[in-house]
Amino acid sequence: MDEPLRAHDKQQGARRAGAPRGSIRRFAAAIAAPLVLAGSARAQGGPPLLTDDTGTPGDGVWEVNVAARIEKTSQEKLWEAPLLDLNYGVGDRVQVKFEIPWAVLDSDEEGTRSGFGNPLIGVKWRFLDQKSDGVSVSTYPQIELNALSSSVRNGLAEEDTGFLLPIEIEKDCGYVGVGAELGYVTGEEHEEGWIYGLALGKELAPEFEFLGELHGESGADLDDSELVYDVGFRWQLGEREALLFSIGQGLRDRDDIDLVAYVGLQSVF
């Protein structure tokens, strides 16, 4: 899911305690079981996950993701539905994107509010490719623009412009595909910090790919950390359409994220 910049803004807050061992064991069991089944590695990252990958649509190809995403904590629930994510391939290694959500925020203190979230614009460049270089590496600068003033007042969008400067690495290890992302978030008045993620992918059938990730965010000094896990899948419905799904939760204390989920339809043409 190309949303690390937006997710970073929403998840900064109180300092978190260390991850309970039981939560990590549950994550390990959930992701390990499908990976031991027969199948081949696949590229991973990107929708429906938070961690992005090095993949691009291809020259002159559109990739459109129409999705719904929910993030729930003990204090509030945020829906982004529809979440429109448009991507276009410029050459074989470059992708441009535009993303904008319709957001609905339901909090215990202020009730329910809705409106457009901040639009996101980005350009991905894969400057190393596994076929020729043995590993894929890309960079994916993204800008989060100011939204409507009403959305800012309602807490649905950030008031200033934010920037994400990440790098993605991906390797097909034969048995499983592994991807990693590390990026720095900054801006005019944005709370600076880091995003990082580790994603795994496994093709269990020609049309079905199992996915899992650990995704973290922290302040510039590596404090105020947030860590979540997702498991999910990409299910190819036809030559040009795929169903995307993921679900997970925070791996820290009870004030952390109770639920994060994504469901969407991907079309390529």
C-alpha atoms as a PDB file:
ATOM      1  CA  MET A   1       0.000   0.000   0.000  1.00  0.00           C
ATOM      2  CA  ASP A   2       1.691   3.319  -1.094  1.00  0.00           C
ATOM      3  CA  GLU A   3       0.787   4.962   2.125  1.00  0.00           C
ATOM      4  CA  PRO A   4       3.827   5.215   4.420  1.00  0.00           C
ATOM      5  CA  LEU A   5       3.841   9.027   4.545  1.00  0.00           C
ATOM      6  CA  ARG A   6       0.162   9.291   5.473  1.00  0.00           C
ATOM      7  CA  ALA A   7       0.418   6.432   7.935  1.00  0.00           C
ATOM      8  CA  HIS A   8       3.425   8.033   9.636  1.00  0.00           C
ATOM      9  CA  ASP A   9       1.506  11.232  10.339  1.00  0.00           C
ATOM     10  CA  LYS A  10      -1.395   9.352  11.911  1.00  0.00           C
ATOM     11  CA  GLN A  11       0.658   7.031  14.090  1.00  0.00           C
ATOM     12  CA  GLN A  12       3.024   9.457  15.814  1.00  0.00           C
ATOM     13  CA  GLY A  13       2.113   9.863  19.494  1.00  0.00           C
ATOM     14  CA  ALA A  14       2.850   8.383  22.882  1.00  0.00           C
ATOM     15  CA  ARG A  15       5.939   6.265  23.452  1.00  0.00           C
ATOM     16  CA  ARG A  16       5.294   2.568  23.108  1.00  0.00           C
ATOM     17  CA  ALA A  17       6.363  -0.314  25.327  1.00  0.00           C
ATOM     18  CA  GLY A  18       8.294  -3.308  23.963  1.00  0.00           C
ATOM     19  CA  ALA A  19       6.390  -5.871  21.876  1.00  0.00           C
ATOM     20  CA  PRO A  20       4.857  -8.712  23.937  1.00  0.00           C
ATOM     21  CA  ARG A  21       6.383 -12.087  23.128  1.00  0.00           C
ATOM     22  CA  GLY A  22       2.936 -13.624  22.650  1.00  0.00           C
ATOM     23  CA  SER A  23       2.098 -11.146  19.889  1.00  0.00           C
ATOM     24  CA  ILE A  24       5.330 -11.870  18.057  1.00  0.00           C
ATOM     25  CA  ARG A  25       4.763 -15.620  18.343  1.00  0.00           C
ATOM     26  CA  ARG A  26       1.274 -15.195  16.851  1.00  0.00           C
ATOM     27  CA  PHE A  27       2.712 -13.178  13.975  1.00  0.00           C
ATOM     28  CA  ALA A  28       5.440 -15.765  13.343  1.00  0.00           C
ATOM     29  CA  ALA A  29       2.925 -18.606  13.305  1.00  0.00           C
ATOM     30  CA  ALA A  30       0.532 -16.746  11.000  1.00  0.00           C
ATOM     31  CA  ILE A  31       3.155 -15.974   8.419  1.00  0.00           C
ATOM     32  CA  ALA A  32       5.219 -19.154   8.653  1.00  0.00           C
ATOM     33  CA  ALA A  33       2.462 -21.697   8.001  1.00  0.00           C
ATOM     34  CA  PRO A  34       1.752 -20.749   4.351  1.00  0.00           C
ATOM     35  CA  LEU A  35       5.455 -20.268   3.630  1.00  0.00           C
ATOM     36  CA  VAL A  36       6.238 -23.912   4.327  1.00  0.00           C
ATOM     37  CA  LEU A  37       3.817 -25.058   1.635  1.00  0.00           C
ATOM     38  CA  ALA A  38       4.952 -25.836  -1.890  1.00  0.00           C
ATOM     39  CA  GLY A  39       5.203 -22.880  -4.199  1.00  0.00           C
ATOM     40  CA  SER A  40       7.615 -20.349  -5.635  1.00  0.00           C
ATOM     41  CA  ALA A  41       8.734 -16.913  -4.534  1.00  0.00           C
ATOM     42  CA  ARG A  42       7.085 -13.814  -5.897  1.00  0.00           C
ATOM     43  CA  ALA A  43       7.653 -10.093  -5.739  1.00  0.00           C
ATOM     44  CA  GLN A  44       6.023  -8.532  -2.695  1.00  0.00           C
ATOM     45  CA  GLY A  45       5.287  -5.191  -1.077  1.00  0.00           C
ATOM     46  CA  GLY A  46       2.970  -2.470  -2.299  1.00  0.00           C
ATOM     47  CA  PRO A  47      -0.826  -2.778  -2.041  1.00  0.00           C
ATOM     48  CA  PRO A  48      -2.251  -4.326   0.088  1.00  0.00           C
ATOM     49  CA  LEU A  49       0.814  -3.942   2.349  1.00  0.00           C
ATOM     50  CA  LEU A  50       2.259  -0.791   3.919  1.00  0.00           C
ATOM     51  CA  THR A  51       5.813  -1.685   2.886  1.00  0.00           C
ATOM     52  CA  ASP A  52       6.414  -0.756  -0.731  1.00  0.00           C
ATOM     53  CA  ASP A  53       8.278  -2.758  -3.368  1.00  0.00           C
ATOM     54  CA  THR A  54      10.511  -2.068  -6.367  1.00  0.00           C
ATOM     55  CA  GLY A  55       7.929  -3.077  -8.988  1.00  0.00           C
ATOM     56  CA  THR A  56       6.584  -0.786 -11.703  1.00  0.00           C
ATOM     57  CA  PRO A  57       3.630  -1.371 -14.088  1.00  0.00           C
ATOM     58  CA  GLY A  58       5.671  -1.391 -17.299  1.00  0.00           C
ATOM     59  CA  ASP A  59       5.958   1.094 -20.140  1.00  0.00           C
ATOM     60  CA  GLY A  60       2.622   2.735 -20.956  1.00  0.00           C
ATOM     61  CA  VAL A  61       0.692   0.550 -18.490  1.00  0.00           C
ATOM     62  CA  TRP A  62      -1.852   1.809 -15.953  1.00  0.00           C
ATOM     63  CA  GLU A  63      -2.238   0.163 -12.543  1.00  0.00           C
ATOM     64  CA  VAL A  64      -5.346   1.363 -10.691  1.00  0.00           C
ATOM     65  CA  ASN A  65      -6.154   0.311  -7.132  1.00  0.00           C
ATOM     66  CA  VAL A  66      -9.593   1.127  -5.710  1.00  0.00           C
ATOM     67  CA  ALA A  67      -9.674   0.136  -2.069  1.00  0.00           C
ATOM     68  CA  ALA A  68     -10.998   0.565   1.449  1.00  0.00           C
ATOM     69  CA  ARG A  69      -8.632   0.787   4.395  1.00  0.00           C
ATOM     70  CA  ILE A  70      -9.422   0.893   8.106  1.00  0.00           C
ATOM     71  CA  GLU A  71      -7.200   1.724  11.043  1.00  0.00           C
ATOM     72  CA  LYS A  72      -8.653   1.309  14.527  1.00  0.00           C
ATOM     73  CA  THR A  73      -7.217   2.253  17.913  1.00  0.00           C
ATOM     74  CA  SER A  74      -8.803   2.317  21.348  1.00  0.00           C
ATOM     75  CA  GLN A  75      -9.728   5.997  20.829  1.00  0.00           C
ATOM     76  CA  GLU A  76     -10.745   6.272  17.201  1.00  0.00           C
ATOM     77  CA  LYS A  77     -11.511   4.543  13.920  1.00  0.00           C
ATOM     78  CA  LEU A  78     -10.337   5.853  10.548  1.00  0.00           C
ATOM     79  CA  TRP A  79     -11.833   4.657   7.258  1.00  0.00           C
ATOM     80  CA  GLU A  80     -10.313   5.579   3.911  1.00  0.00           C
ATOM     81  CA  ALA A  81     -12.963   4.538   1.407  1.00  0.00           C
ATOM     82  CA  PRO A  82     -12.714   4.873  -1.420  1.00  0.00           C
ATOM     83  CA  LEU A  83      -8.936   5.084  -1.535  1.00  0.00           C
ATOM     84  CA  LEU A  84      -8.004   5.817  -5.159  1.00  0.00           C
ATOM     85  CA  ASP A  85      -4.445   4.946  -6.192  1.00  0.00           C
ATOM     86  CA  LEU A  86      -3.427   5.653  -9.811  1.00  0.00           C
ATOM     87  CA  ASN A  87      -0.064   4.471 -11.161  1.00  0.00           C
ATOM     88  CA  TYR A  88       1.411   4.786 -14.665  1.00  0.00           C
ATOM     89  CA  GLY A  89       4.560   3.225 -16.103  1.00  0.00           C
ATOM     90  CA  VAL A  90       7.033   5.477 -17.926  1.00  0.00           C
ATOM     91  CA  GLY A  91       9.511   3.074 -19.452  1.00  0.00           C
ATOM     92  CA  ASP A  92      10.204  -0.267 -17.798  1.00  0.00           C
ATOM     93  CA  ARG A  93      11.681   1.119 -14.566  1.00  0.00           C
ATOM     94  CA  VAL A  94       9.773   4.309 -13.732  1.00  0.00           C
ATOM     95  CA  GLN A  95       6.322   4.751 -12.188  1.00  0.00           C
ATOM     96  CA  VAL A  96       4.370   7.923 -11.437  1.00  0.00           C
ATOM     97  CA  LYS A  97       1.503   7.861  -8.966  1.00  0.00           C
ATOM     98  CA  PHE A  98      -1.399   9.909  -7.651  1.00  0.00           C
ATOM     99  CA  GLU A  99      -3.388   8.835  -4.620  1.00  0.00           C
ATOM    100  CA  ILE A 100      -6.252  10.440  -2.708  1.00  0.00           C
ATOM    101  CA  PRO A 101      -8.621   9.059  -0.061  1.00  0.00           C
ATOM    102  CA  TRP A 102     -12.099   9.927   1.119  1.00  0.00           C
ATOM    103  CA  ALA A 103     -11.651   9.712   4.876  1.00  0.00           C
ATOM    104  CA  VAL A 104     -14.161   9.072   7.668  1.00  0.00           C
ATOM    105  CA  LEU A 105     -12.873   9.594  11.216  1.00  0.00           C
ATOM    106  CA  ASP A 106     -14.895   8.381  14.192  1.00  0.00           C
ATOM    107  CA  SER A 107     -13.479   9.342  17.595  1.00  0.00           C
ATOM    108  CA  ASP A 108     -14.795   9.058  21.123  1.00  0.00           C
ATOM    109  CA  GLU A 109     -14.281  12.757  21.822  1.00  0.00           C
ATOM    110  CA  GLU A 110     -15.387  14.469  18.590  1.00  0.00           C
ATOM    111  CA  GLY A 111     -17.805  12.065  16.931  1.00  0.00           C
ATOM    112  CA  THR A 112     -17.758  11.340  13.186  1.00  0.00           C
ATOM    113  CA  ARG A 113     -16.221  13.600  10.545  1.00  0.00           C
ATOM    114  CA  SER A 114     -15.580  13.004   6.846  1.00  0.00           C
ATOM    115  CA  GLY A 115     -13.852  14.635   3.886  1.00  0.00           C
ATOM    116  CA  PHE A 116     -10.937  14.324   1.482  1.00  0.00           C
ATOM    117  CA  GLY A 117      -7.564  13.372   2.903  1.00  0.00           C
ATOM    118  CA  ASN A 118      -4.294  14.757   1.617  1.00  0.00           C
ATOM    119  CA  PRO A 119      -3.439  13.788  -1.979  1.00  0.00           C
ATOM    120  CA  LEU A 120      -0.139  11.996  -2.503  1.00  0.00           C
ATOM    121  CA  ILE A 121       2.131  12.300  -5.561  1.00  0.00           C
ATOM    122  CA  GLY A 122       5.208  10.153  -6.146  1.00  0.00           C
ATOM    123  CA  VAL A 123       7.765   8.912  -8.672  1.00  0.00           C
ATOM    124  CA  LYS A 124       9.432   5.489  -8.340  1.00  0.00           C
ATOM    125  CA  TRP A 125      12.683   4.673 -10.122  1.00  0.00           C
ATOM    126  CA  ARG A 126      14.108   1.127 -10.051  1.00  0.00           C
ATOM    127  CA  PHE A 127      17.763   1.768 -10.781  1.00  0.00           C
ATOM    128  CA  LEU A 128      18.883  -1.836 -10.194  1.00  0.00           C
ATOM    129  CA  ASP A 129      16.950  -4.813 -11.556  1.00  0.00           C
ATOM    130  CA  GLN A 130      17.194  -8.410 -10.369  1.00  0.00           C
ATOM    131  CA  LYS A 131      17.302  -9.845 -13.898  1.00  0.00           C
ATOM    132  CA  SER A 132      20.496  -7.967 -14.712  1.00  0.00           C
ATOM    133  CA  ASP A 133      21.933  -7.030 -11.304  1.00  0.00           C
ATOM    134  CA  GLY A 134      20.893  -9.907  -9.036  1.00  0.00           C
ATOM    135  CA  VAL A 135      18.836  -7.643  -6.774  1.00  0.00           C
ATOM    136  CA  SER A 136      16.209  -4.961  -7.354  1.00  0.00           C
ATOM    137  CA  VAL A 137      16.672  -1.530  -5.739  1.00  0.00           C
ATOM    138  CA  SER A 138      14.444   1.518  -6.165  1.00  0.00           C
ATOM    139  CA  THR A 139      13.808   4.923  -4.702  1.00  0.00           C
ATOM    140  CA  TYR A 140      10.287   6.339  -4.374  1.00  0.00           C
ATOM    141  CA  PRO A 141      10.122  10.051  -3.381  1.00  0.00           C
ATOM    142  CA  GLN A 142       6.579  11.126  -2.471  1.00  0.00           C
ATOM    143  CA  ILE A 143       4.933  14.455  -1.636  1.00  0.00           C
ATOM    144  CA  GLU A 144       1.817  14.800   0.504  1.00  0.00           C
ATOM    145  CA  LEU A 145       0.053  18.015  -0.492  1.00  0.00           C
ATOM    146  CA  ASN A 146      -2.223  20.298   1.494  1.00  0.00           C
ATOM    147  CA  ALA A 147      -5.865  19.255   1.412  1.00  0.00           C
ATOM    148  CA  LEU A 148      -9.033  21.274   1.904  1.00  0.00           C
ATOM    149  CA  SER A 149      -9.011  23.574   4.936  1.00  0.00           C
ATOM    150  CA  SER A 150     -12.170  21.864   6.192  1.00  0.00           C
ATOM    151  CA  SER A 151     -10.367  18.505   6.190  1.00  0.00           C
ATOM    152  CA  VAL A 152      -7.503  20.028   8.168  1.00  0.00           C
ATOM    153  CA  ARG A 153      -9.911  21.483  10.731  1.00  0.00           C
ATOM    154  CA  ASN A 154     -11.603  18.105  11.112  1.00  0.00           C
ATOM    155  CA  GLY A 155      -8.318  16.285  11.659  1.00  0.00           C
ATOM    156  CA  LEU A 156      -8.572  14.365   8.383  1.00  0.00           C
ATOM    157  CA  ALA A 157      -5.498  15.888   6.735  1.00  0.00           C
ATOM    158  CA  GLU A 158      -2.200  17.539   7.544  1.00  0.00           C
ATOM    159  CA  GLU A 159      -1.943  21.315   7.177  1.00  0.00           C
ATOM    160  CA  ASP A 160       1.502  21.454   5.585  1.00  0.00           C
ATOM    161  CA  THR A 161       3.341  19.659   2.814  1.00  0.00           C
ATOM    162  CA  GLY A 162       5.167  16.463   3.744  1.00  0.00           C
ATOM    163  CA  PHE A 163       7.950  14.561   1.986  1.00  0.00           C
ATOM    164  CA  LEU A 164       8.945  10.901   2.057  1.00  0.00           C
ATOM    165  CA  LEU A 165      12.394   9.874   0.800  1.00  0.00           C
ATOM    166  CA  PRO A 166      12.617   6.043   0.813  1.00  0.00           C
ATOM    167  CA  ILE A 167      14.644   3.270  -0.726  1.00  0.00           C
ATOM    168  CA  GLU A 168      13.335  -0.242  -1.464  1.00  0.00           C
ATOM    169  CA  ILE A 169      15.313  -3.473  -1.884  1.00  0.00           C
ATOM    170  CA  GLU A 170      13.913  -6.746  -3.208  1.00  0.00           C
ATOM    171  CA  LYS A 171      15.395 -10.209  -3.715  1.00  0.00           C
ATOM    172  CA  ASP A 172      13.946 -13.488  -4.943  1.00  0.00           C
ATOM    173  CA  CYS A 173      15.574 -16.052  -2.643  1.00  0.00           C
ATOM    174  CA  GLY A 174      14.090 -18.998  -4.521  1.00  0.00           C
ATOM    175  CA  TYR A 175      11.913 -20.322  -1.733  1.00  0.00           C
ATOM    176  CA  VAL A 176      10.514 -16.954  -0.674  1.00  0.00           C
ATOM    177  CA  GLY A 177      10.602 -13.390  -2.002  1.00  0.00           C
ATOM    178  CA  VAL A 178      11.977 -10.818   0.451  1.00  0.00           C
ATOM    179  CA  GLY A 179      11.592  -7.045   0.302  1.00  0.00           C
ATOM    180  CA  ALA A 180      12.663  -4.225   2.600  1.00  0.00           C
ATOM    181  CA  GLU A 181      12.014  -0.484   2.722  1.00  0.00           C
ATOM    182  CA  LEU A 182      13.593   2.371   4.683  1.00  0.00           C
ATOM    183  CA  GLY A 183      12.542   6.001   4.354  1.00  0.00           C
ATOM    184  CA  TYR A 184      12.768   9.400   6.037  1.00  0.00           C
ATOM    185  CA  VAL A 185       9.716  11.637   6.504  1.00  0.00           C
ATOM    186  CA  THR A 186      10.106  15.411   6.694  1.00  0.00           C
ATOM    187  CA  GLY A 187       8.301  18.623   5.742  1.00  0.00           C
ATOM    188  CA  GLU A 188       7.579  22.246   6.588  1.00  0.00           C
ATOM    189  CA  GLU A 189       5.955  21.530   9.949  1.00  0.00           C
ATOM    190  CA  HIS A 190       5.749  17.742   9.708  1.00  0.00           C
ATOM    191  CA  GLU A 191       6.944  15.656  12.601  1.00  0.00           C
ATOM    192  CA  GLU A 192      10.125  14.160  11.202  1.00  0.00           C
ATOM    193  CA  GLY A 193      10.735  10.455  11.460  1.00  0.00           C
ATOM    194  CA  TRP A 194      11.498   7.109   9.866  1.00  0.00           C
ATOM    195  CA  ILE A 195       9.435   4.407   8.179  1.00  0.00           C
ATOM    196  CA  TYR A 196      10.750   0.883   7.719  1.00  0.00           C
ATOM    197  CA  GLY A 197       9.354  -2.454   6.663  1.00  0.00           C
ATOM    198  CA  LEU A 198      10.135  -6.078   5.883  1.00  0.00           C
ATOM    199  CA  ALA A 199       7.807  -7.986   3.519  1.00  0.00           C
ATOM    200  CA  LEU A 200       7.664 -11.620   2.436  1.00  0.00           C
ATOM    201  CA  GLY A 201       5.852 -13.109  -0.543  1.00  0.00           C
ATOM    202  CA  LYS A 202       5.092 -16.697  -1.565  1.00  0.00           C
ATOM    203  CA  GLU A 203       3.175 -17.936  -4.608  1.00  0.00           C
ATOM    204  CA  LEU A 204       0.953 -20.781  -3.388  1.00  0.00           C
ATOM    205  CA  ALA A 205      -0.771 -21.199  -6.767  1.00  0.00           C
ATOM    206  CA  PRO A 206      -0.335 -19.550 -10.189  1.00  0.00           C
ATOM    207  CA  GLU A 207      -3.076 -17.045  -9.342  1.00  0.00           C
ATOM    208  CA  PHE A 208      -2.599 -16.726  -5.561  1.00  0.00           C
ATOM    209  CA  GLU A 209       0.219 -15.026  -3.633  1.00  0.00           C
ATOM    210  CA  PHE A 210       0.455 -15.050   0.163  1.00  0.00           C
ATOM    211  CA  LEU A 211       1.928 -11.925   1.801  1.00  0.00           C
ATOM    212  CA  GLY A 212       3.201 -10.900   5.206  1.00  0.00           C
ATOM    213  CA  GLU A 213       5.043  -7.930   6.655  1.00  0.00           C
ATOM    214  CA  LEU A 214       6.378  -6.113   9.675  1.00  0.00           C
ATOM    215  CA  HIS A 215       6.072  -2.343   9.276  1.00  0.00           C
ATOM    216  CA  GLY A 216       7.422   0.231  11.702  1.00  0.00           C
ATOM    217  CA  GLU A 217       7.471   3.975  12.152  1.00  0.00           C
ATOM    218  CA  SER A 218       9.382   6.108  14.632  1.00  0.00           C
ATOM    219  CA  GLY A 219      10.478   9.625  15.413  1.00  0.00           C
ATOM    220  CA  ALA A 220      13.661  11.148  14.027  1.00  0.00           C
ATOM    221  CA  ASP A 221      15.580   9.991  17.119  1.00  0.00           C
ATOM    222  CA  LEU A 222      14.094   6.478  16.814  1.00  0.00           C
ATOM    223  CA  ASP A 223      11.662   7.186  19.659  1.00  0.00           C
ATOM    224  CA  ASP A 224       7.832   7.194  19.640  1.00  0.00           C
ATOM    225  CA  SER A 225       7.930   3.920  17.741  1.00  0.00           C
ATOM    226  CA  GLU A 226       5.001   2.073  16.185  1.00  0.00           C
ATOM    227  CA  LEU A 227       5.153  -1.502  14.902  1.00  0.00           C
ATOM    228  CA  VAL A 228       2.393  -3.423  13.118  1.00  0.00           C
ATOM    229  CA  TYR A 229       2.118  -6.700  11.240  1.00  0.00           C
ATOM    230  CA  ASP A 230      -0.039  -7.623   8.253  1.00  0.00           C
ATOM    231  CA  VAL A 231      -0.847 -10.891   6.561  1.00  0.00           C
ATOM    232  CA  GLY A 232      -2.800 -11.021   3.329  1.00  0.00           C
ATOM    233  CA  PHE A 233      -2.907 -12.055  -0.297  1.00  0.00           C
ATOM    234  CA  ARG A 234      -3.118 -11.072  -3.938  1.00  0.00           C
ATOM    235  CA  TRP A 235      -5.616 -13.205  -5.844  1.00  0.00           C
ATOM    236  CA  GLN A 236      -5.556 -12.889  -9.626  1.00  0.00           C
ATOM    237  CA  LEU A 237      -9.190 -12.908 -10.764  1.00  0.00           C
ATOM    238  CA  GLY A 238      -8.469 -12.603 -14.452  1.00  0.00           C
ATOM    239  CA  GLU A 239      -5.853 -11.416 -16.889  1.00  0.00           C
ATOM    240  CA  ARG A 240      -6.125  -7.789 -15.716  1.00  0.00           C
ATOM    241  CA  GLU A 241      -7.830  -7.826 -12.299  1.00  0.00           C
ATOM    242  CA  ALA A 242      -6.683  -8.917  -8.853  1.00  0.00           C
ATOM    243  CA  LEU A 243      -8.263  -8.930  -5.395  1.00  0.00           C
ATOM    244  CA  LEU A 244      -6.038  -7.429  -2.702  1.00  0.00           C
ATOM    245  CA  PHE A 245      -6.486  -8.069   1.022  1.00  0.00           C
ATOM    246  CA  SER A 246      -4.515  -7.693   4.241  1.00  0.00           C
ATOM    247  CA  ILE A 247      -5.285  -7.588   7.953  1.00  0.00           C
ATOM    248  CA  GLY A 248      -3.120  -7.022  11.003  1.00  0.00           C
ATOM    249  CA  GLN A 249      -2.632  -5.188  14.261  1.00  0.00           C
ATOM    250  CA  GLY A 250      -0.064  -3.495  16.441  1.00  0.00           C
ATOM    251  CA  LEU A 251       2.595  -5.533  18.194  1.00  0.00           C
ATOM    252  CA  ARG A 252       2.841  -3.328  21.253  1.00  0.00           C
ATOM    253  CA  ASP A 253       0.664  -2.242  24.185  1.00  0.00           C
ATOM    254  CA  ARG A 254      -3.143  -1.899  24.284  1.00  0.00           C
ATOM    255  CA  ASP A 255      -3.049   1.786  23.301  1.00  0.00           C
ATOM    256  CA  ASP A 256      -1.533   0.757  19.985  1.00  0.00           C
ATOM    257  CA  ILE A 257      -3.365  -0.112  16.753  1.00  0.00           C
ATOM    258  CA  ASP A 258      -6.072  -2.690  17.418  1.00  0.00           C
ATOM    259  CA  LEU A 259      -6.777  -3.339  13.751  1.00  0.00           C
ATOM    260  CA  VAL A 260      -5.460  -2.353  10.343  1.00  0.00           C
ATOM    261  CA  ALA A 261      -7.065  -3.831   7.233  1.00  0.00           C
ATOM    262  CA  TYR A 262      -7.109  -3.262   3.478  1.00  0.00           C
ATOM    263  CA  VAL A 263      -9.345  -4.666   0.751  1.00  0.00           C
ATOM    264  CA  GLY A 264      -9.196  -3.528  -2.833  1.00  0.00           C
ATOM    265  CA  LEU A 265      -9.461  -4.322  -6.521  1.00  0.00           C
ATOM    266  CA  GLN A 266      -6.450  -3.839  -8.775  1.00  0.00           C
ATOM    267  CA  SER A 267      -6.881  -3.284 -12.510  1.00  0.00           C
ATOM    268  CA  VAL A 268      -4.026  -3.224 -15.031  1.00  0.00           C
ATOM    269  CA  PHE A 269      -4.480  -2.004 -18.598  1.00  0.00           C
END
